[in-house]
N, C-alpha and C. Protein backbone atom coordinates (compact mmCIF):
# COMPACT_ATOMS: atom_id res chain seq x y z
N UNK A 1 -84.62 -1.02 3.59
CA UNK A 1 -83.32 -0.60 4.06
C UNK A 1 -82.88 -1.57 5.16
N UNK A 2 -81.68 -2.11 4.99
CA UNK A 2 -81.17 -3.06 5.98
C UNK A 2 -80.54 -2.30 7.16
N UNK A 3 -80.20 -3.04 8.18
CA UNK A 3 -79.65 -2.47 9.40
C UNK A 3 -78.35 -1.72 9.14
N UNK A 4 -77.45 -2.27 8.30
CA UNK A 4 -76.15 -1.62 8.05
C UNK A 4 -76.25 -0.47 7.06
N UNK A 5 -77.37 -0.31 6.40
CA UNK A 5 -77.54 0.81 5.48
C UNK A 5 -77.94 2.09 6.21
N UNK A 6 -78.37 1.97 7.45
CA UNK A 6 -78.72 3.12 8.26
C UNK A 6 -77.43 3.93 8.50
N UNK A 7 -77.48 5.24 8.22
CA UNK A 7 -76.27 6.06 8.30
C UNK A 7 -75.70 6.13 9.71
N UNK A 8 -76.55 6.26 10.69
CA UNK A 8 -76.07 6.36 12.08
C UNK A 8 -75.42 5.05 12.51
N UNK A 9 -76.04 3.94 12.17
CA UNK A 9 -75.48 2.63 12.54
C UNK A 9 -74.16 2.41 11.81
N UNK A 10 -74.11 2.78 10.54
CA UNK A 10 -72.88 2.62 9.76
C UNK A 10 -71.75 3.47 10.34
N UNK A 11 -72.08 4.68 10.79
CA UNK A 11 -71.07 5.57 11.38
C UNK A 11 -70.43 4.90 12.60
N UNK A 12 -71.24 4.40 13.51
CA UNK A 12 -70.69 3.77 14.72
C UNK A 12 -69.95 2.48 14.40
N UNK A 13 -70.42 1.74 13.43
CA UNK A 13 -69.75 0.51 13.02
C UNK A 13 -68.35 0.83 12.47
N UNK A 14 -68.27 1.85 11.61
CA UNK A 14 -66.98 2.24 11.03
C UNK A 14 -66.07 2.86 12.09
N UNK A 15 -66.63 3.61 13.02
CA UNK A 15 -65.82 4.19 14.10
C UNK A 15 -65.20 3.08 14.95
N UNK A 16 -65.97 2.05 15.23
CA UNK A 16 -65.44 0.92 16.00
C UNK A 16 -64.31 0.23 15.25
N UNK A 17 -64.46 0.07 13.94
CA UNK A 17 -63.40 -0.53 13.13
C UNK A 17 -62.12 0.32 13.17
N UNK A 18 -62.27 1.63 13.07
CA UNK A 18 -61.10 2.52 13.08
C UNK A 18 -60.40 2.50 14.43
N UNK A 19 -61.16 2.44 15.51
CA UNK A 19 -60.55 2.38 16.84
C UNK A 19 -59.75 1.10 17.03
N UNK A 20 -60.12 0.06 16.33
CA UNK A 20 -59.36 -1.18 16.39
C UNK A 20 -58.01 -1.07 15.70
N UNK A 21 -57.85 -0.10 14.81
CA UNK A 21 -56.60 0.09 14.08
C UNK A 21 -55.62 1.02 14.80
N UNK A 22 -56.08 1.67 15.86
CA UNK A 22 -55.26 2.65 16.57
C UNK A 22 -54.14 1.94 17.34
N UNK A 23 -52.95 2.52 17.29
CA UNK A 23 -51.82 2.01 18.08
C UNK A 23 -51.84 2.75 19.42
N UNK A 24 -52.47 2.15 20.41
CA UNK A 24 -52.62 2.78 21.71
C UNK A 24 -51.31 2.78 22.47
N UNK A 25 -51.01 3.85 23.21
CA UNK A 25 -49.76 3.89 23.99
C UNK A 25 -49.83 2.92 25.17
N UNK A 26 -48.66 2.53 25.62
CA UNK A 26 -48.62 1.68 26.81
C UNK A 26 -48.99 2.53 28.04
N UNK A 27 -49.24 1.86 29.14
CA UNK A 27 -49.59 2.58 30.38
C UNK A 27 -48.45 3.51 30.79
N UNK A 28 -47.21 3.04 30.66
CA UNK A 28 -46.05 3.85 31.04
C UNK A 28 -45.96 5.10 30.15
N UNK A 29 -46.16 4.94 28.84
CA UNK A 29 -46.10 6.08 27.93
C UNK A 29 -47.22 7.08 28.22
N UNK A 30 -48.41 6.57 28.52
CA UNK A 30 -49.55 7.45 28.81
C UNK A 30 -49.30 8.26 30.08
N UNK A 31 -48.75 7.60 31.11
CA UNK A 31 -48.47 8.30 32.37
C UNK A 31 -47.39 9.35 32.16
N UNK A 32 -46.34 8.99 31.41
CA UNK A 32 -45.25 9.94 31.15
C UNK A 32 -45.76 11.15 30.37
N UNK A 33 -46.59 10.92 29.37
CA UNK A 33 -47.13 12.02 28.58
C UNK A 33 -48.04 12.91 29.43
N UNK A 34 -48.86 12.29 30.27
CA UNK A 34 -49.76 13.04 31.14
C UNK A 34 -48.97 13.92 32.10
N UNK A 35 -47.94 13.36 32.71
CA UNK A 35 -47.12 14.13 33.65
C UNK A 35 -46.38 15.26 32.93
N UNK A 36 -45.95 15.02 31.70
CA UNK A 36 -45.29 16.07 30.92
C UNK A 36 -46.26 17.22 30.67
N UNK A 37 -47.48 16.91 30.26
CA UNK A 37 -48.48 17.94 30.00
C UNK A 37 -48.79 18.73 31.27
N UNK A 38 -48.96 18.03 32.38
CA UNK A 38 -49.24 18.71 33.65
C UNK A 38 -48.08 19.61 34.05
N UNK A 39 -46.85 19.11 33.91
CA UNK A 39 -45.67 19.90 34.26
C UNK A 39 -45.52 21.14 33.41
N UNK A 40 -45.70 20.99 32.10
CA UNK A 40 -45.59 22.15 31.21
C UNK A 40 -46.69 23.15 31.51
N UNK A 41 -47.90 22.67 31.78
CA UNK A 41 -49.02 23.56 32.10
C UNK A 41 -48.74 24.36 33.37
N UNK A 42 -48.22 23.69 34.39
CA UNK A 42 -47.89 24.39 35.64
C UNK A 42 -46.77 25.40 35.39
N UNK A 43 -45.77 25.02 34.62
CA UNK A 43 -44.67 25.93 34.31
C UNK A 43 -45.15 27.18 33.59
N UNK A 44 -46.02 27.01 32.61
CA UNK A 44 -46.55 28.15 31.87
C UNK A 44 -47.41 29.01 32.78
N UNK A 45 -48.20 28.37 33.66
CA UNK A 45 -49.05 29.13 34.59
C UNK A 45 -48.20 29.98 35.53
N UNK A 46 -47.11 29.41 36.03
CA UNK A 46 -46.22 30.17 36.93
C UNK A 46 -45.58 31.33 36.18
N UNK A 47 -45.11 31.07 34.97
CA UNK A 47 -44.48 32.11 34.15
C UNK A 47 -45.46 33.25 33.87
N UNK A 48 -46.67 32.92 33.43
CA UNK A 48 -47.65 33.96 33.13
C UNK A 48 -48.10 34.68 34.40
N UNK A 49 -48.20 33.96 35.51
CA UNK A 49 -48.55 34.60 36.78
C UNK A 49 -47.49 35.59 37.20
N UNK A 50 -46.22 35.23 37.02
CA UNK A 50 -45.13 36.14 37.37
C UNK A 50 -45.14 37.37 36.46
N UNK A 51 -45.38 37.18 35.19
CA UNK A 51 -45.48 38.32 34.27
C UNK A 51 -46.64 39.23 34.66
N UNK A 52 -47.77 38.64 34.97
CA UNK A 52 -48.94 39.42 35.37
C UNK A 52 -48.65 40.22 36.63
N UNK A 53 -48.04 39.58 37.59
CA UNK A 53 -47.70 40.26 38.85
C UNK A 53 -46.71 41.41 38.57
N UNK A 54 -45.70 41.14 37.77
CA UNK A 54 -44.71 42.17 37.45
C UNK A 54 -45.32 43.36 36.73
N UNK A 55 -46.16 43.09 35.74
CA UNK A 55 -46.81 44.19 35.02
C UNK A 55 -47.77 44.95 35.93
N UNK A 56 -48.43 44.25 36.84
CA UNK A 56 -49.34 44.91 37.78
C UNK A 56 -48.58 45.87 38.69
N UNK A 57 -47.45 45.40 39.22
CA UNK A 57 -46.62 46.25 40.08
C UNK A 57 -46.12 47.45 39.30
N UNK A 58 -45.65 47.23 38.09
CA UNK A 58 -45.13 48.32 37.25
C UNK A 58 -46.23 49.32 36.96
N UNK A 59 -47.40 48.85 36.61
CA UNK A 59 -48.51 49.75 36.28
C UNK A 59 -48.95 50.55 37.50
N UNK A 60 -48.99 49.90 38.66
CA UNK A 60 -49.35 50.63 39.88
C UNK A 60 -48.34 51.74 40.17
N UNK A 61 -47.07 51.47 39.96
CA UNK A 61 -46.04 52.51 40.21
C UNK A 61 -46.17 53.67 39.21
N UNK A 62 -46.53 53.36 37.99
CA UNK A 62 -46.68 54.40 36.98
C UNK A 62 -47.94 55.23 37.19
N UNK A 63 -49.03 54.63 37.60
CA UNK A 63 -50.30 55.32 37.75
C UNK A 63 -50.36 56.08 39.06
N UNK A 64 -49.88 55.51 40.13
CA UNK A 64 -49.97 56.15 41.44
C UNK A 64 -49.04 57.34 41.53
N UNK A 65 -47.87 57.26 40.95
CA UNK A 65 -46.91 58.38 41.05
C UNK A 65 -47.12 59.41 39.99
């Protein structure tokens, strides 16, 4: 069995070839996408936090009274 016939070696060799075909984003595009993801994540966290707080207040008023 030759070196390239080894399945593990062939896997990494082919993975390296495929990564060479990838159209990588520019630095500016990567930064913009990262900031978009962070912004959306923070927005969703604030929205869900507000819903949680509102439901908690509502539930406390219903249970205590």
